[in-house]
C-alpha atoms as a PDB file:
ATOM      1  CA  UNK A   1     132.913  68.852 -50.028  1.00  0.00           C
ATOM      2  CA  UNK A   2     133.906  66.280 -52.638  1.00  0.00           C
ATOM      3  CA  UNK A   3     136.810  64.680 -53.475  1.00  0.00           C
ATOM      4  CA  UNK A   4     138.912  62.678 -56.099  1.00  0.00           C
ATOM      5  CA  UNK A   5     140.232  59.867 -54.558  1.00  0.00           C
ATOM      6  CA  UNK A   6     142.944  57.246 -56.659  1.00  0.00           C
ATOM      7  CA  UNK A   7     143.465  54.271 -55.170  1.00  0.00           C
ATOM      8  CA  UNK A   8     145.075  50.793 -56.163  1.00  0.00           C
ATOM      9  CA  UNK A   9     145.336  47.409 -54.633  1.00  0.00           C
ATOM     10  CA  UNK A  10     147.991  46.002 -52.330  1.00  0.00           C
ATOM     11  CA  UNK A  11     147.537  42.837 -53.699  1.00  0.00           C
ATOM     12  CA  UNK A  12     146.204  42.304 -57.298  1.00  0.00           C
ATOM     13  CA  UNK A  13     145.884  38.266 -57.564  1.00  0.00           C
ATOM     14  CA  UNK A  14     142.429  39.292 -59.526  1.00  0.00           C
ATOM     15  CA  UNK A  15     143.945  41.743 -61.535  1.00  0.00           C
ATOM     16  CA  UNK A  16     141.629  44.343 -60.170  1.00  0.00           C
ATOM     17  CA  UNK A  17     142.636  47.590 -61.775  1.00  0.00           C
ATOM     18  CA  UNK A  18     143.760  50.939 -60.478  1.00  0.00           C
ATOM     19  CA  UNK A  19     140.685  52.919 -59.792  1.00  0.00           C
ATOM     20  CA  UNK A  20     139.555  56.866 -59.574  1.00  0.00           C
ATOM     21  CA  UNK A  21     136.648  57.444 -57.237  1.00  0.00           C
ATOM     22  CA  UNK A  22     134.419  60.715 -56.507  1.00  0.00           C
ATOM     23  CA  UNK A  23     132.969  60.929 -53.336  1.00  0.00           C
ATOM     24  CA  UNK A  24     131.457  63.349 -50.961  1.00  0.00           C
ATOM     25  CA  UNK A  25     131.853  64.136 -47.448  1.00  0.00           C
ATOM     26  CA  UNK A  26     131.996  66.960 -44.577  1.00  0.00           C
ATOM     27  CA  UNK A  27     136.007  66.097 -44.627  1.00  0.00           C
ATOM     28  CA  UNK A  28     138.464  63.771 -46.522  1.00  0.00           C
ATOM     29  CA  UNK A  29     137.755  61.189 -43.882  1.00  0.00           C
ATOM     30  CA  UNK A  30     134.670  61.182 -44.501  1.00  0.00           C
ATOM     31  CA  UNK A  31     134.544  61.235 -48.287  1.00  0.00           C
ATOM     32  CA  UNK A  32     137.496  58.044 -48.013  1.00  0.00           C
ATOM     33  CA  UNK A  33     134.984  56.211 -45.889  1.00  0.00           C
ATOM     34  CA  UNK A  34     132.396  56.988 -48.597  1.00  0.00           C
ATOM     35  CA  UNK A  35     134.466  55.847 -51.026  1.00  0.00           C
ATOM     36  CA  UNK A  36     135.329  52.905 -49.624  1.00  0.00           C
ATOM     37  CA  UNK A  37     131.498  52.267 -50.375  1.00  0.00           C
ATOM     38  CA  UNK A  38     131.443  52.915 -53.611  1.00  0.00           C
ATOM     39  CA  UNK A  39     135.122  50.674 -53.925  1.00  0.00           C
ATOM     40  CA  UNK A  40     133.541  47.381 -52.870  1.00  0.00           C
ATOM     41  CA  UNK A  41     130.270  47.923 -54.734  1.00  0.00           C
ATOM     42  CA  UNK A  42     132.544  48.111 -58.155  1.00  0.00           C
ATOM     43  CA  UNK A  43     134.611  45.128 -56.807  1.00  0.00           C
ATOM     44  CA  UNK A  44     132.349  43.116 -54.878  1.00  0.00           C
ATOM     45  CA  UNK A  45     134.526  40.096 -55.564  1.00  0.00           C
ATOM     46  CA  UNK A  46     136.836  41.993 -53.137  1.00  0.00           C
ATOM     47  CA  UNK A  47     134.193  42.060 -49.952  1.00  0.00           C
ATOM     48  CA  UNK A  48     132.153  39.336 -48.594  1.00  0.00           C
ATOM     49  CA  UNK A  49     132.897  36.710 -46.474  1.00  0.00           C
ATOM     50  CA  UNK A  50     136.467  36.966 -45.537  1.00  0.00           C
ATOM     51  CA  UNK A  51     136.967  39.957 -47.576  1.00  0.00           C
ATOM     52  CA  UNK A  52     137.275  43.668 -46.919  1.00  0.00           C
ATOM     53  CA  UNK A  53     134.506  45.649 -45.444  1.00  0.00           C
ATOM     54  CA  UNK A  54     134.209  49.628 -45.803  1.00  0.00           C
ATOM     55  CA  UNK A  55     136.146  49.983 -42.397  1.00  0.00           C
ATOM     56  CA  UNK A  56     139.194  47.954 -43.768  1.00  0.00           C
ATOM     57  CA  UNK A  57     139.333  48.565 -47.258  1.00  0.00           C
ATOM     58  CA  UNK A  58     141.903  51.412 -46.752  1.00  0.00           C
ATOM     59  CA  UNK A  59     144.785  49.744 -45.011  1.00  0.00           C
ATOM     60  CA  UNK A  60     143.526  46.041 -45.043  1.00  0.00           C
ATOM     61  CA  UNK A  61     145.565  42.847 -45.784  1.00  0.00           C
ATOM     62  CA  UNK A  62     144.261  42.457 -48.946  1.00  0.00           C
ATOM     63  CA  UNK A  63     142.743  46.128 -49.464  1.00  0.00           C
ATOM     64  CA  UNK A  64     143.708  49.394 -50.968  1.00  0.00           C
ATOM     65  CA  UNK A  65     145.531  51.976 -50.425  1.00  0.00           C
ATOM     66  CA  UNK A  66     145.257  56.285 -51.630  1.00  0.00           C
ATOM     67  CA  UNK A  67     148.073  56.719 -54.334  1.00  0.00           C
ATOM     68  CA  UNK A  68     146.443  60.564 -54.477  1.00  0.00           C
ATOM     69  CA  UNK A  69     143.607  62.596 -53.512  1.00  0.00           C
ATOM     70  CA  UNK A  70     142.108  65.733 -55.021  1.00  0.00           C
ATOM     71  CA  UNK A  71     139.774  68.230 -53.940  1.00  0.00           C
ATOM     72  CA  UNK A  72     136.830  68.393 -56.415  1.00  0.00           C
ATOM     73  CA  UNK A  73     135.471  66.148 -59.361  1.00  0.00           C
ATOM     74  CA  UNK A  74     138.449  65.217 -61.361  1.00  0.00           C
ATOM     75  CA  UNK A  75     137.482  61.802 -62.169  1.00  0.00           C
ATOM     76  CA  UNK A  76     137.399  62.684 -66.291  1.00  0.00           C
ATOM     77  CA  UNK A  77     140.650  64.058 -66.280  1.00  0.00           C
ATOM     78  CA  UNK A  78     141.780  60.527 -64.374  1.00  0.00           C
ATOM     79  CA  UNK A  79     140.784  58.480 -66.652  1.00  0.00           C
ATOM     80  CA  UNK A  80     141.874  60.492 -69.498  1.00  0.00           C
ATOM     81  CA  UNK A  81     145.319  60.510 -68.740  1.00  0.00           C
ATOM     82  CA  UNK A  82     145.741  56.902 -67.361  1.00  0.00           C
ATOM     83  CA  UNK A  83     143.934  53.631 -67.101  1.00  0.00           C
ATOM     84  CA  UNK A  84     141.875  53.827 -63.859  1.00  0.00           C
ATOM     85  CA  UNK A  85     137.997  52.433 -63.571  1.00  0.00           C
ATOM     86  CA  UNK A  86     136.125  55.464 -62.789  1.00  0.00           C
ATOM     87  CA  UNK A  87     133.843  55.252 -59.788  1.00  0.00           C
ATOM     88  CA  UNK A  88     131.281  57.685 -59.708  1.00  0.00           C
END
């Protein structure tokens, strides 16, 4: 199954933008885990020593939270309608 996940950061000390990521998984939880890997690749300064990991990104101290999630690939619409970084 494919999901579009809209996310934002708990803290924006680095002015990181909100994001939309399209991820696949057998269910939403697996897609969310796969999305975490893609998000940290796109925002490498949020990962690394003392930073977030795919396991801590969603709900971590300086991590991200899910604003909305949709079934299917709605990435193009999310970017058209607002200012997100699209992570494919």
